[in-house]
PDB file of N, CA and C in Angstrom:
ATOM      1  N   MET A   1      61.989  48.587 256.847  1.00  0.00           N
ATOM      2  CA  MET A   1      62.022  47.232 257.316  1.00  0.00           C
ATOM      3  C   MET A   1      60.789  46.930 258.174  1.00  0.00           C
ATOM      4  N   ILE A   2      60.385  47.897 258.982  1.00  0.00           N
ATOM      5  CA  ILE A   2      59.205  47.701 259.821  1.00  0.00           C
ATOM      6  C   ILE A   2      57.959  47.524 258.957  1.00  0.00           C
ATOM      7  N   ALA A   3      57.883  48.274 257.881  1.00  0.00           N
ATOM      8  CA  ALA A   3      56.728  48.159 256.984  1.00  0.00           C
ATOM      9  C   ALA A   3      56.673  46.777 256.346  1.00  0.00           C
ATOM     10  N   LEU A   4      57.810  46.245 255.934  1.00  0.00           N
ATOM     11  CA  LEU A   4      57.835  44.904 255.339  1.00  0.00           C
ATOM     12  C   LEU A   4      57.385  43.851 256.340  1.00  0.00           C
ATOM     13  N   LEU A   5      57.828  43.971 257.573  1.00  0.00           N
ATOM     14  CA  LEU A   5      57.446  43.006 258.588  1.00  0.00           C
ATOM     15  C   LEU A   5      55.982  43.152 258.990  1.00  0.00           C
ATOM     16  N   SER A   6      55.445  44.349 258.860  1.00  0.00           N
ATOM     17  CA  SER A   6      54.065  44.592 259.265  1.00  0.00           C
ATOM     18  C   SER A   6      53.056  44.215 258.182  1.00  0.00           C
ATOM     19  N   VAL A   7      53.294  44.661 256.978  1.00  0.00           N
ATOM     20  CA  VAL A   7      52.293  44.479 255.921  1.00  0.00           C
ATOM     21  C   VAL A   7      52.805  43.688 254.725  1.00  0.00           C
ATOM     22  N   GLY A   8      53.987  43.142 254.820  1.00  0.00           N
ATOM     23  CA  GLY A   8      54.525  42.259 253.785  1.00  0.00           C
ATOM     24  C   GLY A   8      54.594  42.884 252.406  1.00  0.00           C
ATOM     25  N   PRO A   9      53.987  42.216 251.430  1.00  0.00           N
ATOM     26  CA  PRO A   9      54.110  42.671 250.046  1.00  0.00           C
ATOM     27  C   PRO A   9      53.507  44.047 249.770  1.00  0.00           C
ATOM     28  N   PHE A  10      52.649  44.522 250.648  1.00  0.00           N
ATOM     29  CA  PHE A  10      52.069  45.854 250.443  1.00  0.00           C
ATOM     30  C   PHE A  10      53.110  46.964 250.620  1.00  0.00           C
ATOM     31  N   ALA A  11      54.239  46.631 251.223  1.00  0.00           N
ATOM     32  CA  ALA A  11      55.307  47.618 251.425  1.00  0.00           C
ATOM     33  C   ALA A  11      56.307  47.627 250.272  1.00  0.00           C
ATOM     34  N   LEU A  12      56.165  46.734 249.328  1.00  0.00           N
ATOM     35  CA  LEU A  12      57.128  46.662 248.220  1.00  0.00           C
ATOM     36  C   LEU A  12      57.229  47.946 247.393  1.00  0.00           C
ATOM     37  N   PRO A  13      56.137  48.681 247.145  1.00  0.00           N
ATOM     38  CA  PRO A  13      56.318  49.943 246.409  1.00  0.00           C
ATOM     39  C   PRO A  13      57.262  50.914 247.107  1.00  0.00           C
ATOM     40  N   MET A  14      57.260  50.910 248.440  1.00  0.00           N
ATOM     41  CA  MET A  14      58.187  51.785 249.153  1.00  0.00           C
ATOM     42  C   MET A  14      59.633  51.363 248.899  1.00  0.00           C
ATOM     43  N   ILE A  15      59.871  50.090 248.768  1.00  0.00           N
ATOM     44  CA  ILE A  15      61.219  49.593 248.467  1.00  0.00           C
ATOM     45  C   ILE A  15      61.627  50.060 247.072  1.00  0.00           C
ATOM     46  N   TRP A  16      60.726  49.898 246.111  1.00  0.00           N
ATOM     47  CA  TRP A  16      61.073  50.232 244.733  1.00  0.00           C
ATOM     48  C   TRP A  16      61.196  51.736 244.503  1.00  0.00           C
ATOM     49  N   TRP A  17      60.536  52.545 245.314  1.00  0.00           N
ATOM     50  CA  TRP A  17      60.648  53.998 245.167  1.00  0.00           C
ATOM     51  C   TRP A  17      61.842  54.578 245.905  1.00  0.00           C
ATOM     52  N   HIS A  18      62.521  53.751 246.714  1.00  0.00           N
ATOM     53  CA  HIS A  18      63.667  54.242 247.487  1.00  0.00           C
ATOM     54  C   HIS A  18      64.808  54.593 246.525  1.00  0.00           C
ATOM     55  N   PRO A  19      65.222  55.850 246.452  1.00  0.00           N
ATOM     56  CA  PRO A  19      66.192  56.274 245.433  1.00  0.00           C
ATOM     57  C   PRO A  19      67.627  55.779 245.668  1.00  0.00           C
ATOM     58  N   LYS A  20      68.019  55.521 246.905  1.00  0.00           N
ATOM     59  CA  LYS A  20      69.405  55.150 247.177  1.00  0.00           C
ATOM     60  C   LYS A  20      69.648  53.642 247.161  1.00  0.00           C
ATOM     61  N   LEU A  21      68.600  52.855 247.098  1.00  0.00           N
ATOM     62  CA  LEU A  21      68.726  51.405 247.114  1.00  0.00           C
ATOM     63  C   LEU A  21      69.011  50.897 245.704  1.00  0.00           C
ATOM     64  N   LYS A  22      70.014  50.033 245.583  1.00  0.00           N
ATOM     65  CA  LYS A  22      70.379  49.490 244.267  1.00  0.00           C
ATOM     66  C   LYS A  22      69.311  48.507 243.789  1.00  0.00           C
ATOM     67  N   VAL A  23      69.212  48.388 242.473  1.00  0.00           N
ATOM     68  CA  VAL A  23      68.191  47.530 241.870  1.00  0.00           C
ATOM     69  C   VAL A  23      68.375  46.076 242.299  1.00  0.00           C
ATOM     70  N   ALA A  24      69.603  45.628 242.420  1.00  0.00           N
ATOM     71  CA  ALA A  24      69.849  44.242 242.831  1.00  0.00           C
ATOM     72  C   ALA A  24      69.256  43.973 244.214  1.00  0.00           C
ATOM     73  N   TRP A  25      69.419  44.914 245.137  1.00  0.00           N
ATOM     74  CA  TRP A  25      68.852  44.745 246.478  1.00  0.00           C
ATOM     75  C   TRP A  25      67.329  44.778 246.431  1.00  0.00           C
ATOM     76  N   LYS A  26      66.782  45.610 245.554  1.00  0.00           N
ATOM     77  CA  LYS A  26      65.331  45.681 245.420  1.00  0.00           C
ATOM     78  C   LYS A  26      64.770  44.342 244.957  1.00  0.00           C
ATOM     79  N   VAL A  27      65.457  43.720 244.002  1.00  0.00           N
ATOM     80  CA  VAL A  27      65.019  42.418 243.493  1.00  0.00           C
ATOM     81  C   VAL A  27      65.130  41.366 244.592  1.00  0.00           C
ATOM     82  N   VAL A  28      66.228  41.353 245.324  1.00  0.00           N
ATOM     83  CA  VAL A  28      66.429  40.368 246.397  1.00  0.00           C
ATOM     84  C   VAL A  28      65.358  40.535 247.480  1.00  0.00           C
ATOM     85  N   ILE A  29      65.102  41.763 247.885  1.00  0.00           N
ATOM     86  CA  ILE A  29      64.087  42.024 248.911  1.00  0.00           C
ATOM     87  C   ILE A  29      62.700  41.618 248.417  1.00  0.00           C
ATOM     88  N   THR A  30      62.408  41.910 247.151  1.00  0.00           N
ATOM     89  CA  THR A  30      61.118  41.544 246.574  1.00  0.00           C
ATOM     90  C   THR A  30      60.946  40.030 246.554  1.00  0.00           C
ATOM     91  N   LEU A  31      61.968  39.317 246.085  1.00  0.00           N
ATOM     92  CA  LEU A  31      61.877  37.857 246.026  1.00  0.00           C
ATOM     93  C   LEU A  31      61.750  37.251 247.419  1.00  0.00           C
ATOM     94  N   ALA A  32      62.518  37.755 248.368  1.00  0.00           N
ATOM     95  CA  ALA A  32      62.441  37.234 249.734  1.00  0.00           C
ATOM     96  C   ALA A  32      61.058  37.483 250.328  1.00  0.00           C
ATOM     97  N   THR A  33      60.510  38.651 250.075  1.00  0.00           N
ATOM     98  CA  THR A  33      59.175  38.972 250.579  1.00  0.00           C
ATOM     99  C   THR A  33      58.124  38.067 249.966  1.00  0.00           C
ATOM    100  N   LEU A  34      58.229  37.831 248.667  1.00  0.00           N
ATOM    101  CA  LEU A  34      57.259  36.963 248.001  1.00  0.00           C
ATOM    102  C   LEU A  34      57.365  35.520 248.478  1.00  0.00           C
ATOM    103  N   VAL A  35      58.575  35.035 248.680  1.00  0.00           N
ATOM    104  CA  VAL A  35      58.759  33.664 249.178  1.00  0.00           C
ATOM    105  C   VAL A  35      58.199  33.529 250.594  1.00  0.00           C
ATOM    106  N   LEU A  36      58.512  34.479 251.458  1.00  0.00           N
ATOM    107  CA  LEU A  36      57.993  34.429 252.830  1.00  0.00           C
ATOM    108  C   LEU A  36      56.474  34.551 252.869  1.00  0.00           C
ATOM    109  N   THR A  37      55.919  35.365 251.987  1.00  0.00           N
ATOM    110  CA  THR A  37      54.463  35.493 251.908  1.00  0.00           C
ATOM    111  C   THR A  37      53.837  34.175 251.454  1.00  0.00           C
ATOM    112  N   TRP A  38      54.431  33.521 250.478  1.00  0.00           N
ATOM    113  CA  TRP A  38      53.926  32.230 249.992  1.00  0.00           C
ATOM    114  C   TRP A  38      54.003  31.171 251.098  1.00  0.00           C
ATOM    115  N   MET A  39      55.113  31.156 251.834  1.00  0.00           N
ATOM    116  CA  MET A  39      55.268  30.201 252.926  1.00  0.00           C
ATOM    117  C   MET A  39      54.227  30.448 254.024  1.00  0.00           C
ATOM    118  N   ALA A  40      53.967  31.702 254.344  1.00  0.00           N
ATOM    119  CA  ALA A  40      52.955  32.033 255.346  1.00  0.00           C
ATOM    120  C   ALA A  40      51.564  31.611 254.873  1.00  0.00           C
ATOM    121  N   TYR A  41      51.302  31.800 253.595  1.00  0.00           N
ATOM    122  CA  TYR A  41      50.023  31.388 253.025  1.00  0.00           C
ATOM    123  C   TYR A  41      49.848  29.872 253.123  1.00  0.00           C
ATOM    124  N   GLN A  42      50.889  29.130 252.763  1.00  0.00           N
ATOM    125  CA  GLN A  42      50.821  27.675 252.834  1.00  0.00           C
ATOM    126  C   GLN A  42      50.631  27.198 254.272  1.00  0.00           C
ATOM    127  N   ALA A  43      51.309  27.835 255.214  1.00  0.00           N
ATOM    128  CA  ALA A  43      51.158  27.472 256.623  1.00  0.00           C
ATOM    129  C   ALA A  43      49.738  27.750 257.105  1.00  0.00           C
ATOM    130  N   MET A  44      49.152  28.851 256.658  1.00  0.00           N
ATOM    131  CA  MET A  44      47.790  29.178 257.044  1.00  0.00           C
ATOM    132  C   MET A  44      46.808  28.153 256.496  1.00  0.00           C
ATOM    133  N   ILE A  45      46.993  27.760 255.244  1.00  0.00           N
ATOM    134  CA  ILE A  45      46.116  26.754 254.631  1.00  0.00           C
ATOM    135  C   ILE A  45      46.222  25.433 255.386  1.00  0.00           C
ATOM    136  N   ALA A  46      47.430  25.013 255.729  1.00  0.00           N
ATOM    137  CA  ALA A  46      47.629  23.766 256.472  1.00  0.00           C
ATOM    138  C   ALA A  46      46.975  23.846 257.852  1.00  0.00           C
ATOM    139  N   ALA A  47      47.092  24.985 258.522  1.00  0.00           N
ATOM    140  CA  ALA A  47      46.484  25.155 259.838  1.00  0.00           C
ATOM    141  C   ALA A  47      44.960  25.108 259.741  1.00  0.00           C
ATOM    142  N   LEU A  48      44.403  25.707 258.711  1.00  0.00           N
ATOM    143  CA  LEU A  48      42.947  25.686 258.537  1.00  0.00           C
ATOM    144  C   LEU A  48      42.443  24.273 258.235  1.00  0.00           C
ATOM    145  N   LYS A  49      43.197  23.511 257.457  1.00  0.00           N
ATOM    146  CA  LYS A  49      42.812  22.123 257.180  1.00  0.00           C
ATOM    147  C   LYS A  49      42.854  21.298 258.457  1.00  0.00           C
ATOM    148  N   GLN A  50      43.873  21.501 259.263  1.00  0.00           N
ATOM    149  CA  GLN A  50      43.975  20.770 260.519  1.00  0.00           C
ATOM    150  C   GLN A  50      42.843  21.168 261.462  1.00  0.00           C
ATOM    151  N   LEU A  51      42.515  22.433 261.517  1.00  0.00           N
ATOM    152  CA  LEU A  51      41.396  22.892 262.340  1.00  0.00           C
ATOM    153  C   LEU A  51      40.086  22.262 261.879  1.00  0.00           C
ATOM    154  N   GLU A  52      39.909  22.178 260.581  1.00  0.00           N
ATOM    155  CA  GLU A  52      38.701  21.563 260.041  1.00  0.00           C
ATOM    156  C   GLU A  52      38.619  20.099 260.442  1.00  0.00           C
ATOM    157  N   GLU A  53      39.735  19.387 260.390  1.00  0.00           N
ATOM    158  CA  GLU A  53      39.752  17.979 260.798  1.00  0.00           C
ATOM    159  C   GLU A  53      39.421  17.841 262.285  1.00  0.00           C
ATOM    160  N   GLN A  54      39.969  18.715 263.100  1.00  0.00           N
ATOM    161  CA  GLN A  54      39.686  18.672 264.532  1.00  0.00           C
ATOM    162  C   GLN A  54      38.209  18.966 264.806  1.00  0.00           C
ATOM    163  N   MET A  55      37.646  19.887 264.072  1.00  0.00           N
ATOM    164  CA  MET A  55      36.223  20.190 264.240  1.00  0.00           C
ATOM    165  C   MET A  55      35.361  18.991 263.854  1.00  0.00           C
ATOM    166  N   LYS A  56      35.746  18.273 262.796  1.00  0.00           N
ATOM    167  CA  LYS A  56      35.008  17.070 262.402  1.00  0.00           C
ATOM    168  C   LYS A  56      35.061  16.026 263.504  1.00  0.00           C
ATOM    169  N   LEU A  57      36.233  15.841 264.117  1.00  0.00           N
ATOM    170  CA  LEU A  57      36.346  14.871 265.197  1.00  0.00           C
ATOM    171  C   LEU A  57      35.510  15.280 266.401  1.00  0.00           C
ATOM    172  N   LEU A  58      35.493  16.557 266.730  1.00  0.00           N
ATOM    173  CA  LEU A  58      34.667  17.020 267.844  1.00  0.00           C
ATOM    174  C   LEU A  58      33.180  16.828 267.563  1.00  0.00           C
ATOM    175  N   ARG A  59      32.775  17.063 266.333  1.00  0.00           N
ATOM    176  CA  ARG A  59      31.361  16.861 265.985  1.00  0.00           C
ATOM    177  C   ARG A  59      30.983  15.396 266.075  1.00  0.00           C
ATOM    178  N   LYS A  60      31.871  14.504 265.632  1.00  0.00           N
ATOM    179  CA  LYS A  60      31.597  13.075 265.691  1.00  0.00           C
ATOM    180  C   LYS A  60      31.516  12.591 267.133  1.00  0.00           C
ATOM    181  N   SER A  61      32.316  13.170 267.993  1.00  0.00           N
ATOM    182  CA  SER A  61      32.318  12.736 269.391  1.00  0.00           C
ATOM    183  C   SER A  61      31.154  13.316 270.177  1.00  0.00           C
ATOM    184  N   GLY A  62      30.456  14.275 269.608  1.00  0.00           N
ATOM    185  CA  GLY A  62      29.294  14.854 270.260  1.00  0.00           C
ATOM    186  C   GLY A  62      29.612  15.988 271.213  1.00  0.00           C
ATOM    187  N   LEU A  63      30.834  16.458 271.223  1.00  0.00           N
ATOM    188  CA  LEU A  63      31.200  17.561 272.114  1.00  0.00           C
ATOM    189  C   LEU A  63      30.740  18.907 271.600  1.00  0.00           C
ATOM    190  N   ILE A  64      30.419  18.963 270.334  1.00  0.00           N
ATOM    191  CA  ILE A  64      29.943  20.224 269.756  1.00  0.00           C
ATOM    192  C   ILE A  64      28.571  19.983 269.158  1.00  0.00           C
TER     193      ILE A  64
END
Protein backbone atom coordinates (compact mmCIF):
# COMPACT_ATOMS: atom_id res chain seq x y z
CA MET A 1 0.00 0.00 0.00
CA ILE A 2 2.87 2.37 0.79
CA ALA A 3 4.39 1.69 -2.62
CA LEU A 4 1.11 2.54 -4.38
CA LEU A 5 0.81 5.80 -2.48
CA SER A 6 4.45 6.67 -3.13
CA VAL A 7 4.98 5.79 -6.78
CA GLY A 8 1.47 5.11 -8.07
CA PRO A 9 1.28 3.01 -11.21
CA PHE A 10 4.93 1.98 -10.96
CA ALA A 11 3.93 -0.25 -8.03
CA LEU A 12 1.33 -2.19 -10.02
CA PRO A 13 3.70 -5.06 -10.94
CA MET A 14 4.11 -5.74 -7.22
CA ILE A 15 0.33 -6.03 -6.93
CA TRP A 16 0.09 -8.42 -9.86
CA TRP A 17 2.96 -10.60 -8.61
CA HIS A 18 1.40 -10.96 -5.14
CA PRO A 19 0.48 -14.68 -4.97
CA LYS A 20 -2.24 -14.48 -2.28
CA LEU A 21 -4.22 -11.59 -3.78
CA LYS A 22 -7.25 -12.58 -5.85
CA VAL A 23 -7.44 -11.48 -9.47
CA ALA A 24 -10.60 -9.46 -8.83
CA TRP A 25 -8.81 -7.37 -6.20
CA LYS A 26 -5.85 -6.92 -8.53
CA VAL A 27 -8.16 -5.54 -11.23
CA VAL A 28 -9.93 -3.22 -8.76
CA ILE A 29 -6.63 -1.90 -7.38
CA THR A 30 -5.27 -1.42 -10.90
CA LEU A 31 -8.35 0.49 -12.06
CA ALA A 32 -8.41 2.66 -8.94
CA THR A 33 -4.72 3.46 -9.35
CA LEU A 34 -5.17 4.37 -13.00
CA VAL A 35 -8.19 6.59 -12.27
CA LEU A 36 -6.38 8.39 -9.44
CA THR A 37 -3.31 8.83 -11.63
CA TRP A 38 -5.45 10.32 -14.42
CA MET A 39 -7.16 12.67 -11.96
CA ALA A 40 -3.78 13.81 -10.59
CA TYR A 41 -2.55 14.40 -14.13
CA GLN A 42 -5.60 16.49 -14.99
CA ALA A 43 -5.21 18.52 -11.79
CA MET A 44 -1.55 19.16 -12.61
CA ILE A 45 -2.42 20.34 -16.12
CA ALA A 46 -5.10 22.69 -14.75
CA ALA A 47 -2.67 24.09 -12.16
CA LEU A 48 -0.02 24.70 -14.82
CA LYS A 49 -2.53 26.51 -17.05
CA GLN A 50 -3.59 28.69 -14.14
CA LEU A 51 0.05 29.43 -13.31
CA GLU A 52 0.67 30.39 -16.91
CA GLU A 53 -2.29 32.79 -16.83
CA GLN A 54 -1.03 34.36 -13.61
CA MET A 55 2.43 34.79 -15.12
CA LYS A 56 0.89 36.54 -18.14
CA LEU A 57 -0.96 38.94 -15.84
CA LEU A 58 2.21 39.68 -13.88
CA ARG A 59 4.13 40.36 -17.08
CA LYS A 60 1.42 42.72 -18.33
CA SER A 61 1.43 44.61 -15.05
CA GLY A 62 5.19 45.04 -15.21
CA LEU A 63 5.96 43.26 -11.95
CA ILE A 64 8.14 40.73 -13.71
